[in-house]
């Protein structure tokens, strides 16, 4: 979801919110590491959310993260937000 405020009003069962430009909820074009990080985190919220209407703000910033490094840390078992 690009607009957290809209999720608060609509109250879907689970929502992840990203602070990315409109129309780019998975990230930059041609950045598969970024897409994977966002999708994996969204799936984790889907799995773990206990309450209806749960909204999770993902911590990632547009073009400010090293997504390949995040994936590597996840693979090595280091917990990443």
C-alpha atoms as a PDB file:
ATOM      1  CA  UNK A   1       0.000   0.000   0.000  1.00  0.00           C
ATOM      2  CA  UNK A   2       1.342   3.379  -0.917  1.00  0.00           C
ATOM      3  CA  UNK A   3      -1.013   5.384   1.310  1.00  0.00           C
ATOM      4  CA  UNK A   4      -1.117   4.250   4.912  1.00  0.00           C
ATOM      5  CA  UNK A   5      -3.994   6.630   5.608  1.00  0.00           C
ATOM      6  CA  UNK A   6      -6.130   4.809   3.042  1.00  0.00           C
ATOM      7  CA  UNK A   7      -5.331   1.455   4.634  1.00  0.00           C
ATOM      8  CA  UNK A   8      -6.405   2.866   7.991  1.00  0.00           C
ATOM      9  CA  UNK A   9      -9.794   3.817   6.513  1.00  0.00           C
ATOM     10  CA  UNK A  10     -10.349   0.687   4.398  1.00  0.00           C
ATOM     11  CA  UNK A  11      -9.004  -1.731   7.050  1.00  0.00           C
ATOM     12  CA  UNK A  12      -7.984  -4.646   4.818  1.00  0.00           C
ATOM     13  CA  UNK A  13      -7.029  -7.812   6.763  1.00  0.00           C
ATOM     14  CA  UNK A  14      -3.279  -7.135   6.511  1.00  0.00           C
ATOM     15  CA  UNK A  15      -1.309  -4.319   4.939  1.00  0.00           C
ATOM     16  CA  UNK A  16       2.320  -3.473   4.432  1.00  0.00           C
ATOM     17  CA  UNK A  17       3.051   0.162   3.784  1.00  0.00           C
ATOM     18  CA  UNK A  18       6.096   1.385   1.870  1.00  0.00           C
ATOM     19  CA  UNK A  19       7.429   4.896   1.427  1.00  0.00           C
ATOM     20  CA  UNK A  20       8.150   4.492  -2.261  1.00  0.00           C
ATOM     21  CA  UNK A  21       6.992   6.628  -5.196  1.00  0.00           C
ATOM     22  CA  UNK A  22       3.425   6.053  -6.311  1.00  0.00           C
ATOM     23  CA  UNK A  23       3.146   3.119  -8.682  1.00  0.00           C
ATOM     24  CA  UNK A  24       6.330   1.439  -7.423  1.00  0.00           C
ATOM     25  CA  UNK A  25       5.197  -0.643  -4.409  1.00  0.00           C
ATOM     26  CA  UNK A  26       7.802  -3.347  -5.076  1.00  0.00           C
ATOM     27  CA  UNK A  27      10.638  -0.912  -5.764  1.00  0.00           C
ATOM     28  CA  UNK A  28      12.733   0.297  -8.651  1.00  0.00           C
ATOM     29  CA  UNK A  29      12.469  -1.276 -12.107  1.00  0.00           C
ATOM     30  CA  UNK A  30      15.186  -3.844 -12.819  1.00  0.00           C
ATOM     31  CA  UNK A  31      16.150  -4.222  -9.154  1.00  0.00           C
ATOM     32  CA  UNK A  32      15.290  -7.850  -8.378  1.00  0.00           C
ATOM     33  CA  UNK A  33      17.058  -7.796  -4.986  1.00  0.00           C
ATOM     34  CA  UNK A  34      14.849  -4.920  -3.872  1.00  0.00           C
ATOM     35  CA  UNK A  35      11.715  -6.649  -5.169  1.00  0.00           C
ATOM     36  CA  UNK A  36      12.607  -9.850  -3.348  1.00  0.00           C
ATOM     37  CA  UNK A  37      13.254  -8.072  -0.035  1.00  0.00           C
ATOM     38  CA  UNK A  38       9.886  -6.310  -0.197  1.00  0.00           C
ATOM     39  CA  UNK A  39       7.957  -9.410  -1.281  1.00  0.00           C
ATOM     40  CA  UNK A  40       9.584 -11.621   1.374  1.00  0.00           C
ATOM     41  CA  UNK A  41       8.835  -9.091   4.087  1.00  0.00           C
ATOM     42  CA  UNK A  42       5.221  -8.743   2.884  1.00  0.00           C
ATOM     43  CA  UNK A  43       4.799 -12.531   2.941  1.00  0.00           C
ATOM     44  CA  UNK A  44       6.200 -12.658   6.471  1.00  0.00           C
ATOM     45  CA  UNK A  45       3.576 -10.111   7.565  1.00  0.00           C
ATOM     46  CA  UNK A  46       0.895 -12.201   5.863  1.00  0.00           C
ATOM     47  CA  UNK A  47       2.083 -15.241   7.818  1.00  0.00           C
ATOM     48  CA  UNK A  48       2.557 -13.589  11.191  1.00  0.00           C
ATOM     49  CA  UNK A  49      -0.170 -10.930  11.506  1.00  0.00           C
ATOM     50  CA  UNK A  50      -2.554 -11.924  14.291  1.00  0.00           C
ATOM     51  CA  UNK A  51      -5.098  -9.096  14.340  1.00  0.00           C
ATOM     52  CA  UNK A  52      -7.464  -8.032  11.551  1.00  0.00           C
ATOM     53  CA  UNK A  53      -6.500  -4.648  10.171  1.00  0.00           C
ATOM     54  CA  UNK A  54      -2.783  -5.070  10.944  1.00  0.00           C
ATOM     55  CA  UNK A  55      -0.678  -2.404   9.210  1.00  0.00           C
ATOM     56  CA  UNK A  56       3.102  -2.776   9.095  1.00  0.00           C
ATOM     57  CA  UNK A  57       5.296   0.079   7.899  1.00  0.00           C
ATOM     58  CA  UNK A  58       8.269  -1.442   6.111  1.00  0.00           C
ATOM     59  CA  UNK A  59      11.535   0.260   7.074  1.00  0.00           C
ATOM     60  CA  UNK A  60      13.029   0.403   3.584  1.00  0.00           C
ATOM     61  CA  UNK A  61      13.824   3.681   1.866  1.00  0.00           C
ATOM     62  CA  UNK A  62      13.771   4.309  -1.859  1.00  0.00           C
ATOM     63  CA  UNK A  63      17.305   3.990  -3.270  1.00  0.00           C
ATOM     64  CA  UNK A  64      18.902   4.157   0.202  1.00  0.00           C
ATOM     65  CA  UNK A  65      19.296   0.491   1.042  1.00  0.00           C
ATOM     66  CA  UNK A  66      21.725  -2.188  -0.092  1.00  0.00           C
ATOM     67  CA  UNK A  67      19.116  -4.833  -0.910  1.00  0.00           C
ATOM     68  CA  UNK A  68      21.652  -7.443  -2.010  1.00  0.00           C
ATOM     69  CA  UNK A  69      23.294  -7.135   1.423  1.00  0.00           C
ATOM     70  CA  UNK A  70      19.906  -7.472   3.151  1.00  0.00           C
ATOM     71  CA  UNK A  71      19.235 -10.690   1.229  1.00  0.00           C
ATOM     72  CA  UNK A  72      22.695 -12.025   2.087  1.00  0.00           C
ATOM     73  CA  UNK A  73      22.153 -11.331   5.796  1.00  0.00           C
ATOM     74  CA  UNK A  74      18.796 -13.109   5.635  1.00  0.00           C
ATOM     75  CA  UNK A  75      20.387 -16.123   3.977  1.00  0.00           C
ATOM     76  CA  UNK A  76      23.060 -16.271   6.666  1.00  0.00           C
ATOM     77  CA  UNK A  77      20.415 -16.226   9.400  1.00  0.00           C
ATOM     78  CA  UNK A  78      20.866 -12.652  10.605  1.00  0.00           C
ATOM     79  CA  UNK A  79      17.498 -11.120  11.494  1.00  0.00           C
ATOM     80  CA  UNK A  80      16.703  -8.027   9.442  1.00  0.00           C
ATOM     81  CA  UNK A  81      13.762  -5.700  10.073  1.00  0.00           C
END
